[in-house]
Amino acid sequence: DSAGPNKARTVVTLECRIFDSDLDRDRWLASPDVLFLWSDHPDVYVRRNLIGTAESVQQQLQRFADAGVREIAVFFRDYPATESMAAFMTEVVPAIRLAGSGQ
């Protein structure tokens, strides 16, 4: 790294859950079984995390990339299932464009 060893490193930590549709997302958010996941209104939870369809998650993640974020720790809310992780790696990550990297 040309910035040297003292360069500050910021890692953003986000929760992720990818749904087939907004209706599926809204049903999940309204479920009494998942209300304990957030302390804010569900809309705030969605804005602060990567929650939605693959396309909406890609748009959310692109905003971080555009702001210069290069490291993100992602916790998948459907664990131990792997559907969100698979969609994240096959549909979301390949669509992200990094400024200045030619991607």
PDB file of N, CA and C in Angstrom:
ATOM      1  N   ASP A   1       0.844  -1.171   0.000  1.00  0.00           N
ATOM      2  CA  ASP A   1       0.000   0.000   0.000  1.00  0.00           C
ATOM      3  C   ASP A   1       0.891   1.237   0.000  1.00  0.00           C
ATOM      4  N   SER A   2       0.658   2.128  -0.939  1.00  0.00           N
ATOM      5  CA  SER A   2       1.499   3.316  -1.069  1.00  0.00           C
ATOM      6  C   SER A   2       1.234   4.351   0.021  1.00  0.00           C
ATOM      7  N   ALA A   3       0.160   4.210   0.774  1.00  0.00           N
ATOM      8  CA  ALA A   3      -0.163   5.171   1.828  1.00  0.00           C
ATOM      9  C   ALA A   3       0.647   4.927   3.090  1.00  0.00           C
ATOM     10  N   GLY A   4       1.312   3.802   3.178  1.00  0.00           N
ATOM     11  CA  GLY A   4       2.142   3.527   4.340  1.00  0.00           C
ATOM     12  C   GLY A   4       1.412   2.734   5.396  1.00  0.00           C
ATOM     13  N   PRO A   5       2.173   2.282   6.403  1.00  0.00           N
ATOM     14  CA  PRO A   5       1.605   1.397   7.432  1.00  0.00           C
ATOM     15  C   PRO A   5       0.668   2.099   8.401  1.00  0.00           C
ATOM     16  N   ASN A   6       0.697   3.429   8.460  1.00  0.00           N
ATOM     17  CA  ASN A   6      -0.137   4.157   9.415  1.00  0.00           C
ATOM     18  C   ASN A   6      -1.473   4.610   8.830  1.00  0.00           C
ATOM     19  N   LYS A   7      -1.792   4.168   7.634  1.00  0.00           N
ATOM     20  CA  LYS A   7      -3.044   4.553   7.008  1.00  0.00           C
ATOM     21  C   LYS A   7      -4.212   3.969   7.814  1.00  0.00           C
ATOM     22  N   ALA A   8      -5.202   4.820   8.101  1.00  0.00           N
ATOM     23  CA  ALA A   8      -6.383   4.368   8.846  1.00  0.00           C
ATOM     24  C   ALA A   8      -7.181   3.387   7.997  1.00  0.00           C
ATOM     25  N   ARG A   9      -7.710   2.381   8.649  1.00  0.00           N
ATOM     26  CA  ARG A   9      -8.488   1.355   7.969  1.00  0.00           C
ATOM     27  C   ARG A   9      -9.885   1.334   8.584  1.00  0.00           C
ATOM     28  N   THR A  10     -10.884   1.445   7.735  1.00  0.00           N
ATOM     29  CA  THR A  10     -12.259   1.429   8.200  1.00  0.00           C
ATOM     30  C   THR A  10     -12.978   0.240   7.584  1.00  0.00           C
ATOM     31  N   VAL A  11     -13.596  -0.560   8.430  1.00  0.00           N
ATOM     32  CA  VAL A  11     -14.391  -1.691   7.967  1.00  0.00           C
ATOM     33  C   VAL A  11     -15.832  -1.439   8.398  1.00  0.00           C
ATOM     34  N   VAL A  12     -16.746  -1.481   7.450  1.00  0.00           N
ATOM     35  CA  VAL A  12     -18.160  -1.298   7.724  1.00  0.00           C
ATOM     36  C   VAL A  12     -18.765  -2.673   7.977  1.00  0.00           C
ATOM     37  N   THR A  13     -19.576  -2.800   9.036  1.00  0.00           N
ATOM     38  CA  THR A  13     -20.237  -4.059   9.358  1.00  0.00           C
ATOM     39  C   THR A  13     -21.736  -3.900   9.109  1.00  0.00           C
ATOM     40  N   LEU A  14     -22.282  -4.793   8.283  1.00  0.00           N
ATOM     41  CA  LEU A  14     -23.693  -4.721   7.907  1.00  0.00           C
ATOM     42  C   LEU A  14     -24.349  -6.090   7.960  1.00  0.00           C
ATOM     43  N   GLU A  15     -25.648  -6.089   8.174  1.00  0.00           N
ATOM     44  CA  GLU A  15     -26.432  -7.306   8.069  1.00  0.00           C
ATOM     45  C   GLU A  15     -26.999  -7.373   6.655  1.00  0.00           C
ATOM     46  N   CYS A  16     -27.176  -8.586   6.141  1.00  0.00           N
ATOM     47  CA  CYS A  16     -27.677  -8.755   4.786  1.00  0.00           C
ATOM     48  C   CYS A  16     -28.732  -9.855   4.756  1.00  0.00           C
ATOM     49  N   ARG A  17     -29.785  -9.600   4.039  1.00  0.00           N
ATOM     50  CA  ARG A  17     -30.796 -10.625   3.751  1.00  0.00           C
ATOM     51  C   ARG A  17     -31.368 -10.268   2.393  1.00  0.00           C
ATOM     52  N   ILE A  18     -31.239 -11.183   1.448  1.00  0.00           N
ATOM     53  CA  ILE A  18     -31.695 -10.942   0.082  1.00  0.00           C
ATOM     54  C   ILE A  18     -32.973 -11.737  -0.159  1.00  0.00           C
ATOM     55  N   PHE A  19     -33.947 -11.051  -0.728  1.00  0.00           N
ATOM     56  CA  PHE A  19     -35.263 -11.624  -0.988  1.00  0.00           C
ATOM     57  C   PHE A  19     -35.548 -11.618  -2.488  1.00  0.00           C
ATOM     58  N   ASP A  20     -36.465 -12.478  -2.908  1.00  0.00           N
ATOM     59  CA  ASP A  20     -36.873 -12.522  -4.305  1.00  0.00           C
ATOM     60  C   ASP A  20     -37.700 -11.305  -4.699  1.00  0.00           C
ATOM     61  N   SER A  21     -38.411 -10.719  -3.731  1.00  0.00           N
ATOM     62  CA  SER A  21     -39.273  -9.574  -4.037  1.00  0.00           C
ATOM     63  C   SER A  21     -39.385  -8.674  -2.809  1.00  0.00           C
ATOM     64  N   ASP A  22     -39.852  -7.448  -3.044  1.00  0.00           N
ATOM     65  CA  ASP A  22     -40.105  -6.533  -1.930  1.00  0.00           C
ATOM     66  C   ASP A  22     -41.218  -7.070  -1.040  1.00  0.00           C
ATOM     67  N   LEU A  23     -42.187  -7.753  -1.620  1.00  0.00           N
ATOM     68  CA  LEU A  23     -43.273  -8.337  -0.832  1.00  0.00           C
ATOM     69  C   LEU A  23     -42.730  -9.388   0.144  1.00  0.00           C
ATOM     70  N   ASP A  24     -41.807 -10.228  -0.330  1.00  0.00           N
ATOM     71  CA  ASP A  24     -41.179 -11.216   0.562  1.00  0.00           C
ATOM     72  C   ASP A  24     -40.423 -10.523   1.686  1.00  0.00           C
ATOM     73  N   ARG A  25     -39.724  -9.445   1.353  1.00  0.00           N
ATOM     74  CA  ARG A  25     -38.995  -8.670   2.373  1.00  0.00           C
ATOM     75  C   ARG A  25     -39.962  -8.108   3.405  1.00  0.00           C
ATOM     76  N   ASP A  26     -41.043  -7.494   2.932  1.00  0.00           N
ATOM     77  CA  ASP A  26     -42.001  -6.876   3.844  1.00  0.00           C
ATOM     78  C   ASP A  26     -42.689  -7.907   4.739  1.00  0.00           C
ATOM     79  N   ARG A  27     -42.974  -9.066   4.193  1.00  0.00           N
ATOM     80  CA  ARG A  27     -43.571 -10.131   5.012  1.00  0.00           C
ATOM     81  C   ARG A  27     -42.604 -10.555   6.118  1.00  0.00           C
ATOM     82  N   TRP A  28     -41.317 -10.669   5.771  1.00  0.00           N
ATOM     83  CA  TRP A  28     -40.304 -11.040   6.759  1.00  0.00           C
ATOM     84  C   TRP A  28     -40.189  -9.970   7.838  1.00  0.00           C
ATOM     85  N   LEU A  29     -40.155  -8.701   7.417  1.00  0.00           N
ATOM     86  CA  LEU A  29     -40.043  -7.599   8.368  1.00  0.00           C
ATOM     87  C   LEU A  29     -41.244  -7.537   9.305  1.00  0.00           C
ATOM     88  N   ALA A  30     -42.407  -7.934   8.829  1.00  0.00           N
ATOM     89  CA  ALA A  30     -43.624  -7.879   9.634  1.00  0.00           C
ATOM     90  C   ALA A  30     -43.815  -9.117  10.504  1.00  0.00           C
ATOM     91  N   SER A  31     -42.993 -10.115  10.316  1.00  0.00           N
ATOM     92  CA  SER A  31     -43.131 -11.357  11.069  1.00  0.00           C
ATOM     93  C   SER A  31     -42.794 -11.132  12.539  1.00  0.00           C
ATOM     94  N   PRO A  32     -43.661 -11.622  13.437  1.00  0.00           N
ATOM     95  CA  PRO A  32     -43.352 -11.456  14.868  1.00  0.00           C
ATOM     96  C   PRO A  32     -42.097 -12.214  15.293  1.00  0.00           C
ATOM     97  N   ASP A  33     -41.683 -13.201  14.504  1.00  0.00           N
ATOM     98  CA  ASP A  33     -40.494 -13.981  14.848  1.00  0.00           C
ATOM     99  C   ASP A  33     -39.194 -13.218  14.621  1.00  0.00           C
ATOM    100  N   VAL A  34     -39.228 -12.141  13.848  1.00  0.00           N
ATOM    101  CA  VAL A  34     -37.989 -11.407  13.570  1.00  0.00           C
ATOM    102  C   VAL A  34     -37.984 -10.000  14.154  1.00  0.00           C
ATOM    103  N   LEU A  35     -39.000  -9.634  14.902  1.00  0.00           N
ATOM    104  CA  LEU A  35     -39.045  -8.284  15.462  1.00  0.00           C
ATOM    105  C   LEU A  35     -37.886  -7.981  16.398  1.00  0.00           C
ATOM    106  N   PHE A  36     -37.296  -9.001  17.002  1.00  0.00           N
ATOM    107  CA  PHE A  36     -36.189  -8.786  17.931  1.00  0.00           C
ATOM    108  C   PHE A  36     -34.886  -8.414  17.219  1.00  0.00           C
ATOM    109  N   LEU A  37     -34.848  -8.434  15.898  1.00  0.00           N
ATOM    110  CA  LEU A  37     -33.610  -8.185  15.160  1.00  0.00           C
ATOM    111  C   LEU A  37     -33.180  -6.729  15.165  1.00  0.00           C
ATOM    112  N   TRP A  38     -34.076  -5.837  15.431  1.00  0.00           N
ATOM    113  CA  TRP A  38     -33.713  -4.436  15.395  1.00  0.00           C
ATOM    114  C   TRP A  38     -34.365  -3.701  16.552  1.00  0.00           C
ATOM    115  N   SER A  39     -33.793  -2.577  16.902  1.00  0.00           N
ATOM    116  CA  SER A  39     -34.382  -1.759  17.957  1.00  0.00           C
ATOM    117  C   SER A  39     -35.047  -0.529  17.353  1.00  0.00           C
ATOM    118  N   ASP A  40     -34.881  -0.347  16.060  1.00  0.00           N
ATOM    119  CA  ASP A  40     -35.474   0.786  15.357  1.00  0.00           C
ATOM    120  C   ASP A  40     -36.687   0.321  14.553  1.00  0.00           C
ATOM    121  N   HIS A  41     -37.349   1.245  13.945  1.00  0.00           N
ATOM    122  CA  HIS A  41     -38.434   0.942  13.026  1.00  0.00           C
ATOM    123  C   HIS A  41     -37.867   0.092  11.882  1.00  0.00           C
ATOM    124  N   PRO A  42     -38.642  -0.848  11.333  1.00  0.00           N
ATOM    125  CA  PRO A  42     -38.124  -1.688  10.237  1.00  0.00           C
ATOM    126  C   PRO A  42     -37.565  -0.895   9.054  1.00  0.00           C
ATOM    127  N   ASP A  43     -38.145   0.266   8.744  1.00  0.00           N
ATOM    128  CA  ASP A  43     -37.617   1.079   7.642  1.00  0.00           C
ATOM    129  C   ASP A  43     -36.193   1.553   7.934  1.00  0.00           C
ATOM    130  N   VAL A  44     -35.931   1.896   9.186  1.00  0.00           N
ATOM    131  CA  VAL A  44     -34.589   2.328   9.593  1.00  0.00           C
ATOM    132  C   VAL A  44     -33.621   1.143   9.494  1.00  0.00           C
ATOM    133  N   TYR A  45     -34.058  -0.015   9.964  1.00  0.00           N
ATOM    134  CA  TYR A  45     -33.240  -1.232   9.870  1.00  0.00           C
ATOM    135  C   TYR A  45     -32.866  -1.516   8.419  1.00  0.00           C
ATOM    136  N   VAL A  46     -33.829  -1.388   7.515  1.00  0.00           N
ATOM    137  CA  VAL A  46     -33.573  -1.644   6.094  1.00  0.00           C
ATOM    138  C   VAL A  46     -32.590  -0.621   5.536  1.00  0.00           C
ATOM    139  N   ARG A  47     -32.738   0.652   5.900  1.00  0.00           N
ATOM    140  CA  ARG A  47     -31.825   1.689   5.402  1.00  0.00           C
ATOM    141  C   ARG A  47     -30.404   1.502   5.915  1.00  0.00           C
ATOM    142  N   ARG A  48     -30.249   0.960   7.129  1.00  0.00           N
ATOM    143  CA  ARG A  48     -28.925   0.821   7.746  1.00  0.00           C
ATOM    144  C   ARG A  48     -28.213  -0.474   7.378  1.00  0.00           C
ATOM    145  N   ASN A  49     -28.900  -1.369   6.665  1.00  0.00           N
ATOM    146  CA  ASN A  49     -28.336  -2.678   6.342  1.00  0.00           C
ATOM    147  C   ASN A  49     -28.627  -3.031   4.889  1.00  0.00           C
ATOM    148  N   LEU A  50     -28.160  -4.172   4.472  1.00  0.00           N
ATOM    149  CA  LEU A  50     -28.349  -4.640   3.103  1.00  0.00           C
ATOM    150  C   LEU A  50     -29.523  -5.607   3.085  1.00  0.00           C
ATOM    151  N   ILE A  51     -30.734  -5.062   3.074  1.00  0.00           N
ATOM    152  CA  ILE A  51     -31.951  -5.854   3.173  1.00  0.00           C
ATOM    153  C   ILE A  51     -32.826  -5.539   1.962  1.00  0.00           C
ATOM    154  N   GLY A  52     -33.156  -6.565   1.168  1.00  0.00           N
ATOM    155  CA  GLY A  52     -34.033  -6.341   0.016  1.00  0.00           C
ATOM    156  C   GLY A  52     -33.725  -7.298  -1.108  1.00  0.00           C
ATOM    157  N   THR A  53     -34.152  -6.938  -2.301  1.00  0.00           N
ATOM    158  CA  THR A  53     -33.856  -7.750  -3.473  1.00  0.00           C
ATOM    159  C   THR A  53     -32.376  -7.602  -3.829  1.00  0.00           C
ATOM    160  N   ALA A  54     -31.879  -8.498  -4.668  1.00  0.00           N
ATOM    161  CA  ALA A  54     -30.468  -8.409  -5.077  1.00  0.00           C
ATOM    162  C   ALA A  54     -30.179  -7.056  -5.719  1.00  0.00           C
ATOM    163  N   GLU A  55     -31.117  -6.559  -6.511  1.00  0.00           N
ATOM    164  CA  GLU A  55     -30.928  -5.267  -7.167  1.00  0.00           C
ATOM    165  C   GLU A  55     -30.853  -4.124  -6.157  1.00  0.00           C
ATOM    166  N   SER A  56     -31.735  -4.125  -5.166  1.00  0.00           N
ATOM    167  CA  SER A  56     -31.696  -3.042  -4.179  1.00  0.00           C
ATOM    168  C   SER A  56     -30.468  -3.148  -3.286  1.00  0.00           C
ATOM    169  N   VAL A  57     -30.048  -4.364  -2.943  1.00  0.00           N
ATOM    170  CA  VAL A  57     -28.832  -4.551  -2.150  1.00  0.00           C
ATOM    171  C   VAL A  57     -27.616  -4.074  -2.945  1.00  0.00           C
ATOM    172  N   GLN A  58     -27.593  -4.350  -4.237  1.00  0.00           N
ATOM    173  CA  GLN A  58     -26.495  -3.890  -5.094  1.00  0.00           C
ATOM    174  C   GLN A  58     -26.442  -2.363  -5.085  1.00  0.00           C
ATOM    175  N   GLN A  59     -27.592  -1.703  -5.178  1.00  0.00           N
ATOM    176  CA  GLN A  59     -27.621  -0.239  -5.158  1.00  0.00           C
ATOM    177  C   GLN A  59     -27.125   0.301  -3.824  1.00  0.00           C
ATOM    178  N   GLN A  60     -27.527  -0.348  -2.725  1.00  0.00           N
ATOM    179  CA  GLN A  60     -27.074   0.074  -1.395  1.00  0.00           C
ATOM    180  C   GLN A  60     -25.559  -0.090  -1.280  1.00  0.00           C
ATOM    181  N   LEU A  61     -25.055  -1.233  -1.728  1.00  0.00           N
ATOM    182  CA  LEU A  61     -23.623  -1.506  -1.642  1.00  0.00           C
ATOM    183  C   LEU A  61     -22.831  -0.582  -2.560  1.00  0.00           C
ATOM    184  N   GLN A  62     -23.393  -0.236  -3.712  1.00  0.00           N
ATOM    185  CA  GLN A  62     -22.718   0.673  -4.635  1.00  0.00           C
ATOM    186  C   GLN A  62     -22.490   2.036  -3.988  1.00  0.00           C
ATOM    187  N   ARG A  63     -23.427   2.485  -3.171  1.00  0.00           N
ATOM    188  CA  ARG A  63     -23.249   3.772  -2.482  1.00  0.00           C
ATOM    189  C   ARG A  63     -22.028   3.735  -1.558  1.00  0.00           C
ATOM    190  N   PHE A  64     -21.808   2.613  -0.880  1.00  0.00           N
ATOM    191  CA  PHE A  64     -20.614   2.472  -0.051  1.00  0.00           C
ATOM    192  C   PHE A  64     -19.358   2.502  -0.916  1.00  0.00           C
ATOM    193  N   ALA A  65     -19.375   1.765  -2.025  1.00  0.00           N
ATOM    194  CA  ALA A  65     -18.214   1.741  -2.930  1.00  0.00           C
ATOM    195  C   ALA A  65     -17.937   3.134  -3.479  1.00  0.00           C
ATOM    196  N   ASP A  66     -18.985   3.863  -3.858  1.00  0.00           N
ATOM    197  CA  ASP A  66     -18.819   5.220  -4.379  1.00  0.00           C
ATOM    198  C   ASP A  66     -18.236   6.167  -3.330  1.00  0.00           C
ATOM    199  N   ALA A  67     -18.503   5.868  -2.057  1.00  0.00           N
ATOM    200  CA  ALA A  67     -17.981   6.699  -0.967  1.00  0.00           C
ATOM    201  C   ALA A  67     -16.551   6.304  -0.583  1.00  0.00           C
ATOM    202  N   GLY A  68     -16.012   5.270  -1.243  1.00  0.00           N
ATOM    203  CA  GLY A  68     -14.633   4.877  -0.989  1.00  0.00           C
ATOM    204  C   GLY A  68     -14.459   3.709  -0.030  1.00  0.00           C
ATOM    205  N   VAL A  69     -15.550   3.136   0.441  1.00  0.00           N
ATOM    206  CA  VAL A  69     -15.447   1.980   1.342  1.00  0.00           C
ATOM    207  C   VAL A  69     -14.971   0.781   0.535  1.00  0.00           C
ATOM    208  N   ARG A  70     -13.934   0.103   1.029  1.00  0.00           N
ATOM    209  CA  ARG A  70     -13.381  -1.054   0.318  1.00  0.00           C
ATOM    210  C   ARG A  70     -13.454  -2.344   1.132  1.00  0.00           C
ATOM    211  N   GLU A  71     -13.809  -2.228   2.419  1.00  0.00           N
ATOM    212  CA  GLU A  71     -13.918  -3.427   3.252  1.00  0.00           C
ATOM    213  C   GLU A  71     -15.248  -3.407   3.993  1.00  0.00           C
ATOM    214  N   ILE A  72     -16.012  -4.470   3.813  1.00  0.00           N
ATOM    215  CA  ILE A  72     -17.305  -4.594   4.466  1.00  0.00           C
ATOM    216  C   ILE A  72     -17.411  -5.993   5.064  1.00  0.00           C
ATOM    217  N   ALA A  73     -17.768  -6.062   6.331  1.00  0.00           N
ATOM    218  CA  ALA A  73     -18.050  -7.344   6.977  1.00  0.00           C
ATOM    219  C   ALA A  73     -19.560  -7.547   6.902  1.00  0.00           C
ATOM    220  N   VAL A  74     -19.975  -8.663   6.333  1.00  0.00           N
ATOM    221  CA  VAL A  74     -21.399  -8.908   6.106  1.00  0.00           C
ATOM    222  C   VAL A  74     -21.850 -10.108   6.929  1.00  0.00           C
ATOM    223  N   PHE A  75     -22.938  -9.922   7.673  1.00  0.00           N
ATOM    224  CA  PHE A  75     -23.569 -10.999   8.423  1.00  0.00           C
ATOM    225  C   PHE A  75     -24.877 -11.326   7.726  1.00  0.00           C
ATOM    226  N   PHE A  76     -25.049 -12.569   7.336  1.00  0.00           N
ATOM    227  CA  PHE A  76     -26.235 -12.963   6.597  1.00  0.00           C
ATOM    228  C   PHE A  76     -27.327 -13.402   7.555  1.00  0.00           C
ATOM    229  N   ARG A  77     -28.460 -12.703   7.518  1.00  0.00           N
ATOM    230  CA  ARG A  77     -29.556 -12.897   8.455  1.00  0.00           C
ATOM    231  C   ARG A  77     -30.305 -14.207   8.254  1.00  0.00           C
ATOM    232  N   ASP A  78     -30.111 -14.897   7.142  1.00  0.00           N
ATOM    233  CA  ASP A  78     -30.816 -16.163   6.949  1.00  0.00           C
ATOM    234  C   ASP A  78     -29.959 -17.368   7.322  1.00  0.00           C
ATOM    235  N   TYR A  79     -28.813 -17.132   7.962  1.00  0.00           N
ATOM    236  CA  TYR A  79     -27.966 -18.224   8.427  1.00  0.00           C
ATOM    237  C   TYR A  79     -28.784 -19.161   9.312  1.00  0.00           C
ATOM    238  N   PRO A  80     -28.661 -20.453   9.195  1.00  0.00           N
ATOM    239  CA  PRO A  80     -27.640 -21.224   8.496  1.00  0.00           C
ATOM    240  C   PRO A  80     -27.931 -21.489   7.017  1.00  0.00           C
ATOM    241  N   ALA A  81     -29.033 -20.973   6.506  1.00  0.00           N
ATOM    242  CA  ALA A  81     -29.275 -21.081   5.069  1.00  0.00           C
ATOM    243  C   ALA A  81     -28.224 -20.263   4.326  1.00  0.00           C
ATOM    244  N   THR A  82     -28.021 -20.565   3.064  1.00  0.00           N
ATOM    245  CA  THR A  82     -26.977 -19.871   2.300  1.00  0.00           C
ATOM    246  C   THR A  82     -27.524 -19.116   1.087  1.00  0.00           C
ATOM    247  N   GLU A  83     -28.833 -18.977   0.998  1.00  0.00           N
ATOM    248  CA  GLU A  83     -29.421 -18.329  -0.180  1.00  0.00           C
ATOM    249  C   GLU A  83     -28.979 -16.874  -0.325  1.00  0.00           C
ATOM    250  N   SER A  84     -29.006 -16.115   0.765  1.00  0.00           N
ATOM    251  CA  SER A  84     -28.591 -14.706   0.685  1.00  0.00           C
ATOM    252  C   SER A  84     -27.111 -14.596   0.341  1.00  0.00           C
ATOM    253  N   MET A  85     -26.290 -15.437   0.939  1.00  0.00           N
ATOM    254  CA  MET A  85     -24.859 -15.403   0.652  1.00  0.00           C
ATOM    255  C   MET A  85     -24.597 -15.736  -0.814  1.00  0.00           C
ATOM    256  N   ALA A  86     -25.282 -16.735  -1.338  1.00  0.00           N
ATOM    257  CA  ALA A  86     -25.094 -17.124  -2.742  1.00  0.00           C
ATOM    258  C   ALA A  86     -25.537 -15.995  -3.673  1.00  0.00           C
ATOM    259  N   ALA A  87     -26.683 -15.383  -3.399  1.00  0.00           N
ATOM    260  CA  ALA A  87     -27.157 -14.274  -4.229  1.00  0.00           C
ATOM    261  C   ALA A  87     -26.214 -13.084  -4.127  1.00  0.00           C
ATOM    262  N   PHE A  88     -25.688 -12.829  -2.936  1.00  0.00           N
ATOM    263  CA  PHE A  88     -24.744 -11.726  -2.723  1.00  0.00           C
ATOM    264  C   PHE A  88     -23.502 -11.914  -3.600  1.00  0.00           C
ATOM    265  N   MET A  89     -22.970 -13.140  -3.606  1.00  0.00           N
ATOM    266  CA  MET A  89     -21.734 -13.405  -4.353  1.00  0.00           C
ATOM    267  C   MET A  89     -21.953 -13.503  -5.865  1.00  0.00           C
ATOM    268  N   THR A  90     -23.124 -13.953  -6.300  1.00  0.00           N
ATOM    269  CA  THR A  90     -23.337 -14.141  -7.739  1.00  0.00           C
ATOM    270  C   THR A  90     -24.067 -12.991  -8.415  1.00  0.00           C
ATOM    271  N   GLU A  91     -24.906 -12.269  -7.664  1.00  0.00           N
ATOM    272  CA  GLU A  91     -25.703 -11.209  -8.277  1.00  0.00           C
ATOM    273  C   GLU A  91     -25.300  -9.800  -7.841  1.00  0.00           C
ATOM    274  N   VAL A  92     -24.831  -9.668  -6.608  1.00  0.00           N
ATOM    275  CA  VAL A  92     -24.544  -8.331  -6.079  1.00  0.00           C
ATOM    276  C   VAL A  92     -23.092  -7.935  -6.315  1.00  0.00           C
ATOM    277  N   VAL A  93     -22.167  -8.701  -5.796  1.00  0.00           N
ATOM    278  CA  VAL A  93     -20.742  -8.335  -5.863  1.00  0.00           C
ATOM    279  C   VAL A  93     -20.253  -8.115  -7.301  1.00  0.00           C
ATOM    280  N   PRO A  94     -20.578  -8.995  -8.253  1.00  0.00           N
ATOM    281  CA  PRO A  94     -20.075  -8.753  -9.616  1.00  0.00           C
ATOM    282  C   PRO A  94     -20.578  -7.447 -10.233  1.00  0.00           C
ATOM    283  N   ALA A  95     -21.670  -6.900  -9.742  1.00  0.00           N
ATOM    284  CA  ALA A  95     -22.227  -5.664 -10.317  1.00  0.00           C
ATOM    285  C   ALA A  95     -21.628  -4.394  -9.730  1.00  0.00           C
ATOM    286  N   ILE A  96     -20.836  -4.513  -8.667  1.00  0.00           N
ATOM    287  CA  ILE A  96     -20.270  -3.339  -8.008  1.00  0.00           C
ATOM    288  C   ILE A  96     -19.116  -2.772  -8.830  1.00  0.00           C
ATOM    289  N   ARG A  97     -19.142  -1.460  -9.017  1.00  0.00           N
ATOM    290  CA  ARG A  97     -18.082  -0.742  -9.745  1.00  0.00           C
ATOM    291  C   ARG A  97     -17.263   0.049  -8.728  1.00  0.00           C
ATOM    292  N   LEU A  98     -15.957  -0.155  -8.733  1.00  0.00           N
ATOM    293  CA  LEU A  98     -15.073   0.572  -7.830  1.00  0.00           C
ATOM    294  C   LEU A  98     -14.434   1.735  -8.579  1.00  0.00           C
ATOM    295  N   ALA A  99     -14.591   2.927  -8.056  1.00  0.00           N
ATOM    296  CA  ALA A  99     -14.017   4.120  -8.672  1.00  0.00           C
ATOM    297  C   ALA A  99     -12.496   4.007  -8.702  1.00  0.00           C
ATOM    298  N   GLY A 100     -11.925   4.317  -9.839  1.00  0.00           N
ATOM    299  CA  GLY A 100     -10.471   4.335  -9.970  1.00  0.00           C
ATOM    300  C   GLY A 100      -9.831   2.973 -10.167  1.00  0.00           C
ATOM    301  N   SER A 101     -10.635   1.907 -10.225  1.00  0.00           N
ATOM    302  CA  SER A 101     -10.037   0.580 -10.391  1.00  0.00           C
ATOM    303  C   SER A 101     -10.307   0.001 -11.769  1.00  0.00           C
ATOM    304  N   GLY A 102     -11.050   0.739 -12.592  1.00  0.00           N
ATOM    305  CA  GLY A 102     -11.363   0.226 -13.915  1.00  0.00           C
ATOM    306  C   GLY A 102     -12.496  -0.793 -13.919  1.00  0.00           C
ATOM    307  N   GLN A 103     -13.115  -1.009 -12.757  1.00  0.00           N
ATOM    308  CA  GLN A 103     -14.240  -1.967 -12.671  1.00  0.00           C
ATOM    309  C   GLN A 103     -15.554  -1.253 -12.803  1.00  0.00           C
TER     310      GLN A 103
END
